[in-house]
């Protein structure tokens, strides 16, 4: 059987002609996610701080100053404390909604950083970032909405005694759904990491 000799120069030429594999694609995506997440987090934190301070100040002034002063005063036959309660409640809702928008940005940024840090030894994918985002959004949303209810509860009770209970019941049902989504998202990542770990160990 005849063999065709192949020179080293031919092999070197073929190696140079073969395009390299895009091994840095995942690394570039990790750096992009990390950079964008840090920028979004730094932009959202000051806005969240200002919103929280404004909401607390409004609650304090309304609960301790404005509503006590308005006791016994009527405006065109309507009790002024209930009118002020409704106005302050609307303002608090506006503040909390603005805070939630900024919290969403901050949570998305934290989720991106968590995905990069936890998944750094392996490839970080868009699906992984979405799972962390879903989980962290659910947890932080429950915390923010629960704290917001503490601000709203007194004002809701002033409008109608049963209104506070109805809102709390709705929050509990919504929180259960958010917890289920968060656990489902995290379990997907745990399953993926377990599969990768088992594959590495059993090799």
N, C-alpha and C. Protein backbone atom coordinates (compact mmCIF):
# COMPACT_ATOMS: atom_id res chain seq x y z
N UNK A 1 0.85 -1.19 0.00
CA UNK A 1 0.00 0.00 0.00
C UNK A 1 0.88 1.23 0.00
N UNK A 2 0.63 2.17 -0.88
CA UNK A 2 1.44 3.36 -1.04
C UNK A 2 0.90 4.49 -0.18
N UNK A 3 1.80 5.20 0.52
CA UNK A 3 1.43 6.37 1.34
C UNK A 3 1.94 7.63 0.65
N UNK A 4 1.08 8.64 0.69
CA UNK A 4 1.48 9.92 0.09
C UNK A 4 2.12 10.77 1.16
N UNK A 5 3.37 11.13 1.02
CA UNK A 5 4.03 11.94 2.05
C UNK A 5 3.44 13.35 2.12
N UNK A 6 3.28 13.82 3.34
CA UNK A 6 2.75 15.17 3.55
C UNK A 6 3.80 15.97 4.29
N UNK A 7 4.17 17.08 3.75
CA UNK A 7 5.23 17.89 4.34
C UNK A 7 4.69 18.72 5.50
N UNK A 8 5.61 19.09 6.39
CA UNK A 8 5.24 19.93 7.54
C UNK A 8 4.76 21.30 7.11
N UNK A 9 5.31 21.82 6.03
CA UNK A 9 4.89 23.14 5.54
C UNK A 9 3.44 23.12 5.08
N UNK A 10 3.02 21.96 4.50
CA UNK A 10 1.63 21.85 4.04
C UNK A 10 0.68 21.84 5.24
N UNK A 11 1.08 21.10 6.30
CA UNK A 11 0.26 21.03 7.50
C UNK A 11 0.13 22.40 8.15
N UNK A 12 1.24 23.15 8.20
CA UNK A 12 1.22 24.48 8.80
C UNK A 12 0.32 25.42 8.01
N UNK A 13 0.37 25.30 6.68
CA UNK A 13 -0.46 26.15 5.82
C UNK A 13 -1.93 25.85 6.04
N UNK A 14 -2.28 24.57 6.18
CA UNK A 14 -3.67 24.19 6.42
C UNK A 14 -4.15 24.69 7.79
N UNK A 15 -3.27 24.64 8.77
CA UNK A 15 -3.64 25.11 10.10
C UNK A 15 -3.90 26.60 10.10
N UNK A 16 -3.06 27.35 9.31
CA UNK A 16 -3.29 28.79 9.24
C UNK A 16 -4.56 29.11 8.48
N UNK A 17 -4.91 28.29 7.51
CA UNK A 17 -6.09 28.56 6.69
C UNK A 17 -7.38 28.25 7.42
N UNK A 18 -7.30 27.36 8.45
CA UNK A 18 -8.51 27.00 9.18
C UNK A 18 -8.89 28.12 10.13
N UNK A 19 -10.09 28.67 10.03
CA UNK A 19 -10.48 29.79 10.90
C UNK A 19 -10.64 29.32 12.33
N UNK A 20 -10.23 30.11 13.30
CA UNK A 20 -10.34 29.71 14.71
C UNK A 20 -11.80 29.68 15.15
N UNK A 21 -12.08 28.81 16.12
CA UNK A 21 -13.44 28.73 16.64
C UNK A 21 -13.74 29.94 17.52
N UNK A 22 -14.98 30.42 17.50
CA UNK A 22 -15.33 31.60 18.31
C UNK A 22 -15.44 31.24 19.78
N UNK A 23 -14.29 31.00 20.44
CA UNK A 23 -14.30 30.57 21.85
C UNK A 23 -14.57 31.73 22.80
N UNK A 24 -14.41 32.95 22.33
CA UNK A 24 -14.57 34.11 23.21
C UNK A 24 -15.98 34.66 23.19
N UNK A 25 -16.90 33.99 22.47
CA UNK A 25 -18.26 34.51 22.39
C UNK A 25 -18.91 34.57 23.76
N UNK A 26 -18.82 33.47 24.53
CA UNK A 26 -19.41 33.43 25.86
C UNK A 26 -18.75 34.44 26.79
N UNK A 27 -17.44 34.57 26.70
CA UNK A 27 -16.71 35.52 27.53
C UNK A 27 -17.15 36.94 27.22
N UNK A 28 -17.32 37.24 25.95
CA UNK A 28 -17.76 38.58 25.56
C UNK A 28 -19.16 38.86 26.07
N UNK A 29 -20.04 37.85 26.03
CA UNK A 29 -21.41 38.02 26.53
C UNK A 29 -21.39 38.26 28.04
N UNK A 30 -20.55 37.54 28.76
CA UNK A 30 -20.43 37.74 30.21
C UNK A 30 -19.97 39.15 30.53
N UNK A 31 -18.98 39.64 29.80
CA UNK A 31 -18.48 40.99 30.04
C UNK A 31 -19.54 42.04 29.71
N UNK A 32 -20.31 41.80 28.66
CA UNK A 32 -21.38 42.73 28.29
C UNK A 32 -22.45 42.78 29.36
N UNK A 33 -22.89 41.61 29.84
CA UNK A 33 -23.91 41.54 30.89
C UNK A 33 -23.42 42.21 32.16
N UNK A 34 -22.16 41.94 32.53
CA UNK A 34 -21.60 42.52 33.74
C UNK A 34 -21.52 44.04 33.66
N UNK A 35 -21.05 44.55 32.53
CA UNK A 35 -20.91 46.00 32.36
C UNK A 35 -22.27 46.70 32.38
N UNK A 36 -23.24 46.16 31.63
CA UNK A 36 -24.56 46.78 31.57
C UNK A 36 -25.27 46.69 32.93
N UNK A 37 -25.10 45.57 33.63
CA UNK A 37 -25.75 45.40 34.93
C UNK A 37 -25.21 46.39 35.95
N UNK A 38 -23.90 46.58 35.97
CA UNK A 38 -23.31 47.54 36.91
C UNK A 38 -23.79 48.96 36.63
N UNK A 39 -23.88 49.33 35.35
CA UNK A 39 -24.35 50.66 34.99
C UNK A 39 -25.81 50.86 35.39
N UNK A 40 -26.66 49.85 35.14
CA UNK A 40 -28.08 49.95 35.50
C UNK A 40 -28.26 50.02 37.01
N UNK A 41 -27.46 49.26 37.75
CA UNK A 41 -27.57 49.26 39.20
C UNK A 41 -27.18 50.61 39.79
N UNK A 42 -26.09 51.18 39.30
CA UNK A 42 -25.65 52.48 39.78
C UNK A 42 -26.64 53.58 39.43
N UNK A 43 -27.36 53.42 38.32
CA UNK A 43 -28.35 54.41 37.95
C UNK A 43 -29.64 54.29 38.72
N UNK A 44 -30.01 53.07 39.15
CA UNK A 44 -31.29 52.85 39.82
C UNK A 44 -31.24 53.13 41.31
N UNK A 45 -30.12 52.87 41.96
CA UNK A 45 -30.05 53.00 43.42
C UNK A 45 -30.35 54.42 43.93
N UNK A 46 -29.78 55.48 43.34
CA UNK A 46 -30.13 56.82 43.84
C UNK A 46 -31.61 57.14 43.68
N UNK A 47 -32.21 56.73 42.57
CA UNK A 47 -33.63 56.99 42.35
C UNK A 47 -34.49 56.24 43.36
N UNK A 48 -34.12 54.99 43.68
CA UNK A 48 -34.86 54.23 44.69
C UNK A 48 -34.77 54.91 46.05
N UNK A 49 -33.58 55.38 46.40
CA UNK A 49 -33.39 56.05 47.69
C UNK A 49 -34.25 57.29 47.81
N UNK A 50 -34.26 58.12 46.76
CA UNK A 50 -35.08 59.34 46.77
C UNK A 50 -36.56 58.99 46.88
N UNK A 51 -37.02 57.99 46.13
CA UNK A 51 -38.42 57.60 46.18
C UNK A 51 -38.85 57.09 47.55
N UNK A 52 -38.00 56.28 48.18
CA UNK A 52 -38.32 55.75 49.51
C UNK A 52 -38.39 56.87 50.54
N UNK A 53 -37.44 57.80 50.49
CA UNK A 53 -37.45 58.92 51.43
C UNK A 53 -38.70 59.78 51.23
N UNK A 54 -39.07 60.03 49.97
CA UNK A 54 -40.26 60.84 49.69
C UNK A 54 -41.52 60.15 50.21
N UNK A 55 -41.64 58.83 49.99
CA UNK A 55 -42.82 58.10 50.46
C UNK A 55 -42.92 58.10 51.98
N UNK A 56 -41.79 57.92 52.67
CA UNK A 56 -41.80 57.92 54.14
C UNK A 56 -42.15 59.30 54.68
N UNK A 57 -41.60 60.35 54.09
CA UNK A 57 -41.92 61.70 54.53
C UNK A 57 -43.39 62.02 54.33
N UNK A 58 -43.94 61.62 53.18
CA UNK A 58 -45.36 61.85 52.93
C UNK A 58 -46.22 61.11 53.95
N UNK A 59 -45.86 59.88 54.27
CA UNK A 59 -46.61 59.10 55.26
C UNK A 59 -46.54 59.77 56.63
N UNK A 60 -45.36 60.22 57.02
CA UNK A 60 -45.20 60.85 58.33
C UNK A 60 -45.99 62.15 58.43
N UNK A 61 -45.87 63.01 57.42
CA UNK A 61 -46.59 64.28 57.44
C UNK A 61 -48.10 64.05 57.41
N UNK A 62 -48.53 63.11 56.58
CA UNK A 62 -49.97 62.85 56.49
C UNK A 62 -50.54 62.25 57.75
N UNK A 63 -49.84 61.26 58.32
CA UNK A 63 -50.36 60.53 59.48
C UNK A 63 -50.24 61.32 60.77
N UNK A 64 -49.19 62.13 60.89
CA UNK A 64 -48.91 62.81 62.15
C UNK A 64 -49.30 64.28 62.16
N UNK A 65 -49.48 64.90 60.98
CA UNK A 65 -49.75 66.33 60.95
C UNK A 65 -51.06 66.65 60.22
N UNK A 66 -51.14 66.33 58.93
CA UNK A 66 -52.26 66.79 58.11
C UNK A 66 -53.61 66.21 58.58
N UNK A 67 -53.67 64.89 58.73
CA UNK A 67 -54.95 64.26 59.10
C UNK A 67 -55.39 64.63 60.52
N UNK A 68 -54.49 64.65 61.52
CA UNK A 68 -54.93 65.12 62.85
C UNK A 68 -55.44 66.56 62.84
N UNK A 69 -54.81 67.41 62.05
CA UNK A 69 -55.27 68.81 61.98
C UNK A 69 -56.66 68.89 61.38
N UNK A 70 -56.94 68.01 60.39
CA UNK A 70 -58.22 68.06 59.68
C UNK A 70 -59.38 67.44 60.44
N UNK A 71 -59.13 66.84 61.60
CA UNK A 71 -60.20 66.21 62.37
C UNK A 71 -61.29 67.23 62.73
N UNK A 72 -62.53 66.86 62.46
CA UNK A 72 -63.68 67.72 62.78
C UNK A 72 -63.98 68.77 61.73
N UNK A 73 -63.18 68.83 60.66
CA UNK A 73 -63.39 69.83 59.60
C UNK A 73 -64.09 69.15 58.43
N UNK A 74 -65.05 69.84 57.85
CA UNK A 74 -65.75 69.33 56.68
C UNK A 74 -65.52 70.25 55.50
N UNK A 75 -65.52 69.63 54.31
CA UNK A 75 -65.34 70.37 53.06
C UNK A 75 -66.54 70.09 52.17
N UNK A 76 -67.43 71.11 52.08
CA UNK A 76 -68.69 70.97 51.34
C UNK A 76 -69.49 69.76 51.84
N UNK A 77 -69.52 69.59 53.13
CA UNK A 77 -70.31 68.52 53.73
C UNK A 77 -69.60 67.19 53.83
N UNK A 78 -68.40 67.08 53.30
CA UNK A 78 -67.64 65.82 53.35
C UNK A 78 -66.54 65.93 54.41
N UNK A 79 -66.32 64.88 55.19
CA UNK A 79 -65.25 64.93 56.21
C UNK A 79 -63.88 65.15 55.54
N UNK A 80 -63.20 66.19 55.96
CA UNK A 80 -61.90 66.51 55.36
C UNK A 80 -60.84 65.43 55.61
N UNK A 81 -60.82 64.76 56.78
CA UNK A 81 -59.81 63.71 56.97
C UNK A 81 -59.89 62.59 55.92
N UNK A 82 -61.11 62.19 55.54
CA UNK A 82 -61.24 61.14 54.53
C UNK A 82 -60.78 61.62 53.16
N UNK A 83 -61.05 62.88 52.85
CA UNK A 83 -60.58 63.44 51.57
C UNK A 83 -59.06 63.47 51.53
N UNK A 84 -58.46 63.96 52.64
CA UNK A 84 -57.00 64.01 52.70
C UNK A 84 -56.40 62.59 52.66
N UNK A 85 -57.07 61.65 53.29
CA UNK A 85 -56.60 60.27 53.26
C UNK A 85 -56.55 59.74 51.83
N UNK A 86 -57.61 60.01 51.07
CA UNK A 86 -57.66 59.55 49.69
C UNK A 86 -56.56 60.22 48.85
N UNK A 87 -56.35 61.53 49.04
CA UNK A 87 -55.32 62.25 48.29
C UNK A 87 -53.93 61.71 48.62
N UNK A 88 -53.65 61.52 49.90
CA UNK A 88 -52.34 61.01 50.32
C UNK A 88 -52.14 59.59 49.81
N UNK A 89 -53.21 58.79 49.83
CA UNK A 89 -53.11 57.42 49.35
C UNK A 89 -52.75 57.38 47.87
N UNK A 90 -53.37 58.24 47.07
CA UNK A 90 -53.05 58.30 45.63
C UNK A 90 -51.59 58.71 45.43
N UNK A 91 -51.13 59.69 46.22
CA UNK A 91 -49.73 60.14 46.10
C UNK A 91 -48.77 59.01 46.49
N UNK A 92 -49.10 58.26 47.54
CA UNK A 92 -48.25 57.14 47.95
C UNK A 92 -48.20 56.05 46.88
N UNK A 93 -49.36 55.79 46.26
CA UNK A 93 -49.38 54.79 45.17
C UNK A 93 -48.46 55.23 44.04
N UNK A 94 -48.49 56.53 43.69
CA UNK A 94 -47.63 57.04 42.62
C UNK A 94 -46.15 56.86 42.99
N UNK A 95 -45.81 57.20 44.25
CA UNK A 95 -44.42 57.02 44.69
C UNK A 95 -44.00 55.56 44.64
N UNK A 96 -44.86 54.67 45.11
CA UNK A 96 -44.52 53.25 45.16
C UNK A 96 -44.37 52.68 43.75
N UNK A 97 -45.24 53.08 42.83
CA UNK A 97 -45.11 52.61 41.45
C UNK A 97 -43.79 53.05 40.84
N UNK A 98 -43.40 54.30 41.11
CA UNK A 98 -42.10 54.79 40.62
C UNK A 98 -40.96 53.99 41.24
N UNK A 99 -41.07 53.68 42.53
CA UNK A 99 -40.05 52.88 43.19
C UNK A 99 -39.98 51.49 42.58
N UNK A 100 -41.14 50.89 42.28
CA UNK A 100 -41.16 49.55 41.70
C UNK A 100 -40.48 49.52 40.33
N UNK A 101 -40.66 50.57 39.55
CA UNK A 101 -39.99 50.63 38.24
C UNK A 101 -38.47 50.64 38.43
N UNK A 102 -38.00 51.44 39.39
CA UNK A 102 -36.56 51.51 39.64
C UNK A 102 -36.05 50.22 40.27
N UNK A 103 -36.87 49.61 41.15
CA UNK A 103 -36.48 48.34 41.76
C UNK A 103 -36.35 47.26 40.70
N UNK A 104 -37.25 47.29 39.72
CA UNK A 104 -37.17 46.30 38.64
C UNK A 104 -35.84 46.43 37.89
N UNK A 105 -35.42 47.67 37.61
CA UNK A 105 -34.13 47.86 36.95
C UNK A 105 -32.98 47.34 37.81
N UNK A 106 -33.05 47.65 39.11
CA UNK A 106 -31.98 47.23 40.01
C UNK A 106 -31.95 45.70 40.15
N UNK A 107 -33.12 45.09 40.24
CA UNK A 107 -33.19 43.64 40.38
C UNK A 107 -32.68 42.95 39.12
N UNK A 108 -33.04 43.47 37.95
CA UNK A 108 -32.53 42.91 36.70
C UNK A 108 -31.01 43.01 36.64
N UNK A 109 -30.48 44.13 37.14
CA UNK A 109 -29.03 44.30 37.17
C UNK A 109 -28.39 43.31 38.13
N UNK A 110 -28.97 43.14 39.32
CA UNK A 110 -28.44 42.17 40.28
C UNK A 110 -28.52 40.75 39.74
N UNK A 111 -29.60 40.45 39.02
CA UNK A 111 -29.73 39.12 38.43
C UNK A 111 -28.64 38.87 37.39
N UNK A 112 -28.35 39.88 36.60
CA UNK A 112 -27.28 39.74 35.62
C UNK A 112 -25.93 39.52 36.27
N UNK A 113 -25.65 40.28 37.34
CA UNK A 113 -24.38 40.10 38.05
C UNK A 113 -24.32 38.73 38.72
N UNK A 114 -25.45 38.28 39.28
CA UNK A 114 -25.47 36.96 39.92
C UNK A 114 -25.22 35.85 38.90
N UNK A 115 -25.83 35.98 37.73
CA UNK A 115 -25.64 34.97 36.68
C UNK A 115 -24.18 34.93 36.23
N UNK A 116 -23.56 36.09 36.13
CA UNK A 116 -22.17 36.14 35.70
C UNK A 116 -21.25 35.55 36.75
N UNK A 117 -21.49 35.90 38.03
CA UNK A 117 -20.61 35.43 39.10
C UNK A 117 -20.79 33.93 39.35
N UNK A 118 -22.04 33.49 39.42
CA UNK A 118 -22.30 32.07 39.72
C UNK A 118 -21.95 31.19 38.52
N UNK A 119 -22.26 31.67 37.33
CA UNK A 119 -22.02 30.85 36.14
C UNK A 119 -20.70 31.14 35.46
N UNK A 120 -19.80 31.84 36.14
CA UNK A 120 -18.52 32.20 35.52
C UNK A 120 -17.69 31.01 35.06
N UNK A 121 -17.64 29.90 35.84
CA UNK A 121 -16.83 28.77 35.36
C UNK A 121 -17.35 28.15 34.08
N UNK A 122 -18.65 28.31 33.80
CA UNK A 122 -19.24 27.74 32.59
C UNK A 122 -19.76 28.86 31.70
N UNK A 123 -20.43 28.50 30.63
CA UNK A 123 -20.99 29.49 29.73
C UNK A 123 -22.26 30.09 30.32
N UNK A 124 -22.33 31.43 30.35
CA UNK A 124 -23.51 32.14 30.83
C UNK A 124 -24.42 32.41 29.63
N UNK A 125 -25.63 31.91 29.69
CA UNK A 125 -26.56 32.06 28.59
C UNK A 125 -27.66 33.06 28.94
N UNK A 126 -28.37 33.47 27.91
CA UNK A 126 -29.49 34.40 28.11
C UNK A 126 -30.58 33.76 28.96
N UNK A 127 -30.81 32.47 28.78
CA UNK A 127 -31.82 31.75 29.56
C UNK A 127 -31.46 31.75 31.04
N UNK A 128 -30.19 31.58 31.34
CA UNK A 128 -29.74 31.60 32.74
C UNK A 128 -30.00 32.95 33.37
N UNK A 129 -29.69 34.02 32.65
CA UNK A 129 -29.93 35.37 33.16
C UNK A 129 -31.43 35.58 33.40
N UNK A 130 -32.27 35.09 32.49
CA UNK A 130 -33.72 35.23 32.65
C UNK A 130 -34.22 34.48 33.87
N UNK A 131 -33.65 33.31 34.16
CA UNK A 131 -34.07 32.54 35.34
C UNK A 131 -33.72 33.30 36.62
N UNK A 132 -32.51 33.83 36.69
CA UNK A 132 -32.14 34.62 37.87
C UNK A 132 -33.00 35.87 37.99
N UNK A 133 -33.31 36.50 36.86
CA UNK A 133 -34.15 37.69 36.88
C UNK A 133 -35.54 37.38 37.41
N UNK A 134 -36.15 36.29 36.93
CA UNK A 134 -37.48 35.90 37.40
C UNK A 134 -37.48 35.63 38.89
N UNK A 135 -36.48 34.91 39.37
CA UNK A 135 -36.41 34.56 40.79
C UNK A 135 -36.24 35.80 41.66
N UNK A 136 -35.31 36.66 41.30
CA UNK A 136 -35.02 37.82 42.13
C UNK A 136 -36.13 38.86 42.04
N UNK A 137 -36.77 38.99 40.88
CA UNK A 137 -37.91 39.90 40.79
C UNK A 137 -39.01 39.50 41.76
N UNK A 138 -39.34 38.21 41.76
CA UNK A 138 -40.41 37.74 42.64
C UNK A 138 -40.12 38.03 44.10
N UNK A 139 -38.89 37.75 44.54
CA UNK A 139 -38.53 37.95 45.95
C UNK A 139 -38.57 39.43 46.32
N UNK A 140 -37.95 40.27 45.50
CA UNK A 140 -37.90 41.69 45.82
C UNK A 140 -39.27 42.35 45.68
N UNK A 141 -40.08 41.92 44.73
CA UNK A 141 -41.42 42.47 44.60
C UNK A 141 -42.25 42.18 45.84
N UNK A 142 -42.14 40.97 46.37
CA UNK A 142 -42.89 40.63 47.59
C UNK A 142 -42.46 41.53 48.75
N UNK A 143 -41.16 41.74 48.88
CA UNK A 143 -40.66 42.60 49.96
C UNK A 143 -41.17 44.03 49.81
N UNK A 144 -41.07 44.59 48.60
CA UNK A 144 -41.47 45.98 48.38
C UNK A 144 -42.98 46.15 48.57
N UNK A 145 -43.77 45.25 48.02
CA UNK A 145 -45.23 45.37 48.14
C UNK A 145 -45.66 45.19 49.59
N UNK A 146 -45.02 44.30 50.34
CA UNK A 146 -45.35 44.12 51.75
C UNK A 146 -45.05 45.38 52.56
N UNK A 147 -43.89 45.98 52.28
CA UNK A 147 -43.55 47.23 52.97
C UNK A 147 -44.50 48.35 52.57
N UNK A 148 -44.89 48.38 51.29
CA UNK A 148 -45.83 49.41 50.83
C UNK A 148 -47.19 49.25 51.52
N UNK A 149 -47.60 48.00 51.74
CA UNK A 149 -48.88 47.78 52.42
C UNK A 149 -48.86 48.35 53.83
N UNK A 150 -47.71 48.28 54.50
CA UNK A 150 -47.61 48.87 55.83
C UNK A 150 -47.86 50.37 55.79
N UNK A 151 -47.45 51.02 54.69
CA UNK A 151 -47.72 52.44 54.53
C UNK A 151 -49.20 52.70 54.22
N UNK A 152 -49.80 51.79 53.45
CA UNK A 152 -51.16 52.01 52.99
C UNK A 152 -52.23 51.58 54.00
N UNK A 153 -51.91 50.64 54.89
CA UNK A 153 -52.94 49.98 55.69
C UNK A 153 -53.78 50.97 56.50
N UNK A 154 -53.12 51.93 57.16
CA UNK A 154 -53.87 52.89 57.97
C UNK A 154 -54.81 53.73 57.11
N UNK A 155 -54.32 54.17 55.96
CA UNK A 155 -55.15 55.01 55.08
C UNK A 155 -56.31 54.20 54.48
N UNK A 156 -56.05 52.95 54.14
CA UNK A 156 -57.12 52.10 53.62
C UNK A 156 -58.20 51.87 54.68
N UNK A 157 -57.79 51.69 55.93
CA UNK A 157 -58.75 51.49 57.01
C UNK A 157 -59.57 52.74 57.26
N UNK A 158 -58.99 53.91 57.04
CA UNK A 158 -59.73 55.15 57.23
C UNK A 158 -60.81 55.32 56.16
N UNK A 159 -60.51 54.85 54.94
CA UNK A 159 -61.51 54.94 53.87
C UNK A 159 -62.64 53.95 54.13
N UNK A 160 -62.28 52.68 54.43
CA UNK A 160 -63.27 51.65 54.78
C UNK A 160 -62.56 50.57 55.59
N UNK A 161 -63.15 50.14 56.71
CA UNK A 161 -62.47 49.15 57.56
C UNK A 161 -62.14 47.84 56.84
N UNK A 162 -62.98 47.41 55.90
CA UNK A 162 -62.76 46.13 55.22
C UNK A 162 -61.77 46.23 54.07
N UNK A 163 -61.47 47.46 53.62
CA UNK A 163 -60.62 47.62 52.44
C UNK A 163 -59.21 47.12 52.69
N UNK A 164 -58.69 47.35 53.88
CA UNK A 164 -57.34 46.90 54.21
C UNK A 164 -57.24 45.38 54.15
N UNK A 165 -58.26 44.68 54.67
CA UNK A 165 -58.26 43.22 54.64
C UNK A 165 -58.35 42.65 53.24
N UNK A 166 -59.14 43.28 52.38
CA UNK A 166 -59.27 42.82 50.99
C UNK A 166 -57.94 42.95 50.26
N UNK A 167 -57.28 44.09 50.45
CA UNK A 167 -55.99 44.31 49.79
C UNK A 167 -54.94 43.32 50.30
N UNK A 168 -54.93 43.08 51.61
CA UNK A 168 -53.97 42.12 52.18
C UNK A 168 -54.21 40.72 51.62
N UNK A 169 -55.45 40.31 51.49
CA UNK A 169 -55.76 38.99 50.94
C UNK A 169 -55.26 38.89 49.49
N UNK A 170 -55.47 39.94 48.71
CA UNK A 170 -54.99 39.94 47.32
C UNK A 170 -53.47 39.86 47.27
N UNK A 171 -52.78 40.55 48.18
CA UNK A 171 -51.32 40.52 48.22
C UNK A 171 -50.81 39.13 48.56
N UNK A 172 -51.47 38.45 49.49
CA UNK A 172 -51.05 37.10 49.88
C UNK A 172 -51.18 36.13 48.70
N UNK A 173 -52.31 36.19 47.98
CA UNK A 173 -52.51 35.32 46.82
C UNK A 173 -51.45 35.61 45.76
N UNK A 174 -51.22 36.89 45.50
CA UNK A 174 -50.20 37.28 44.51
C UNK A 174 -48.80 36.84 44.95
N UNK A 175 -48.50 36.95 46.25
CA UNK A 175 -47.18 36.57 46.76
C UNK A 175 -46.94 35.06 46.59
N UNK A 176 -47.98 34.26 46.80
CA UNK A 176 -47.85 32.81 46.61
C UNK A 176 -47.48 32.50 45.16
N UNK A 177 -48.11 33.19 44.22
CA UNK A 177 -47.80 32.98 42.80
C UNK A 177 -46.36 33.40 42.49
N UNK A 178 -45.92 34.52 43.05
CA UNK A 178 -44.56 34.99 42.82
C UNK A 178 -43.53 34.03 43.41
N UNK A 179 -43.81 33.49 44.58
CA UNK A 179 -42.90 32.52 45.20
C UNK A 179 -42.79 31.27 44.33
N UNK A 180 -43.92 30.82 43.80
CA UNK A 180 -43.92 29.64 42.93
C UNK A 180 -43.07 29.90 41.68
N UNK A 181 -43.20 31.07 41.07
CA UNK A 181 -42.40 31.40 39.88
C UNK A 181 -40.91 31.45 40.22
N UNK A 182 -40.58 32.05 41.36
CA UNK A 182 -39.17 32.17 41.76
C UNK A 182 -38.56 30.80 42.00
N UNK A 183 -39.28 29.94 42.73
CA UNK A 183 -38.77 28.60 43.01
C UNK A 183 -38.62 27.80 41.72
N UNK A 184 -39.56 27.94 40.82
CA UNK A 184 -39.48 27.23 39.54
C UNK A 184 -38.26 27.67 38.74
N UNK A 185 -37.99 28.97 38.73
CA UNK A 185 -36.83 29.48 37.98
C UNK A 185 -35.52 29.00 38.60
N UNK A 186 -35.43 29.05 39.93
CA UNK A 186 -34.21 28.61 40.60
C UNK A 186 -34.01 27.11 40.45
N UNK A 187 -35.11 26.35 40.51
CA UNK A 187 -35.00 24.89 40.38
C UNK A 187 -34.47 24.50 39.00
N UNK A 188 -34.81 25.29 37.98
CA UNK A 188 -34.29 25.02 36.64
C UNK A 188 -32.77 25.16 36.61
N UNK A 189 -32.26 26.20 37.29
CA UNK A 189 -30.81 26.39 37.32
C UNK A 189 -30.12 25.32 38.18
N UNK A 190 -30.75 24.96 39.29
CA UNK A 190 -30.17 23.90 40.14
C UNK A 190 -30.10 22.58 39.37
N UNK A 191 -31.14 22.27 38.63
CA UNK A 191 -31.16 21.05 37.83
C UNK A 191 -30.07 21.08 36.77
N UNK A 192 -29.89 22.25 36.13
CA UNK A 192 -28.87 22.35 35.08
C UNK A 192 -27.47 22.18 35.67
N UNK A 193 -27.20 22.87 36.80
CA UNK A 193 -25.89 22.75 37.43
C UNK A 193 -25.64 21.32 37.92
N UNK A 194 -26.68 20.67 38.45
CA UNK A 194 -26.53 19.29 38.92
C UNK A 194 -26.20 18.35 37.77
N UNK A 195 -26.86 18.57 36.63
CA UNK A 195 -26.59 17.74 35.45
C UNK A 195 -25.16 17.92 34.96
N UNK A 196 -24.70 19.20 34.92
CA UNK A 196 -23.33 19.47 34.47
C UNK A 196 -22.32 18.88 35.46
N UNK A 197 -22.60 19.01 36.76
CA UNK A 197 -21.68 18.47 37.76
C UNK A 197 -21.60 16.94 37.67
N UNK A 198 -22.78 16.31 37.52
CA UNK A 198 -22.81 14.85 37.42
C UNK A 198 -22.07 14.37 36.17
N UNK A 199 -22.24 15.12 35.06
CA UNK A 199 -21.54 14.75 33.83
C UNK A 199 -20.05 14.86 33.98
N UNK A 200 -19.60 15.89 34.73
CA UNK A 200 -18.15 16.05 34.93
C UNK A 200 -17.58 14.97 35.83
N UNK A 201 -18.30 14.61 36.89
CA UNK A 201 -17.82 13.61 37.85
C UNK A 201 -17.78 12.21 37.24
N UNK A 202 -18.80 11.91 36.42
CA UNK A 202 -18.91 10.57 35.88
C UNK A 202 -18.04 10.33 34.64
N UNK A 203 -17.34 11.34 34.19
CA UNK A 203 -16.47 11.14 33.03
C UNK A 203 -15.29 10.23 33.39
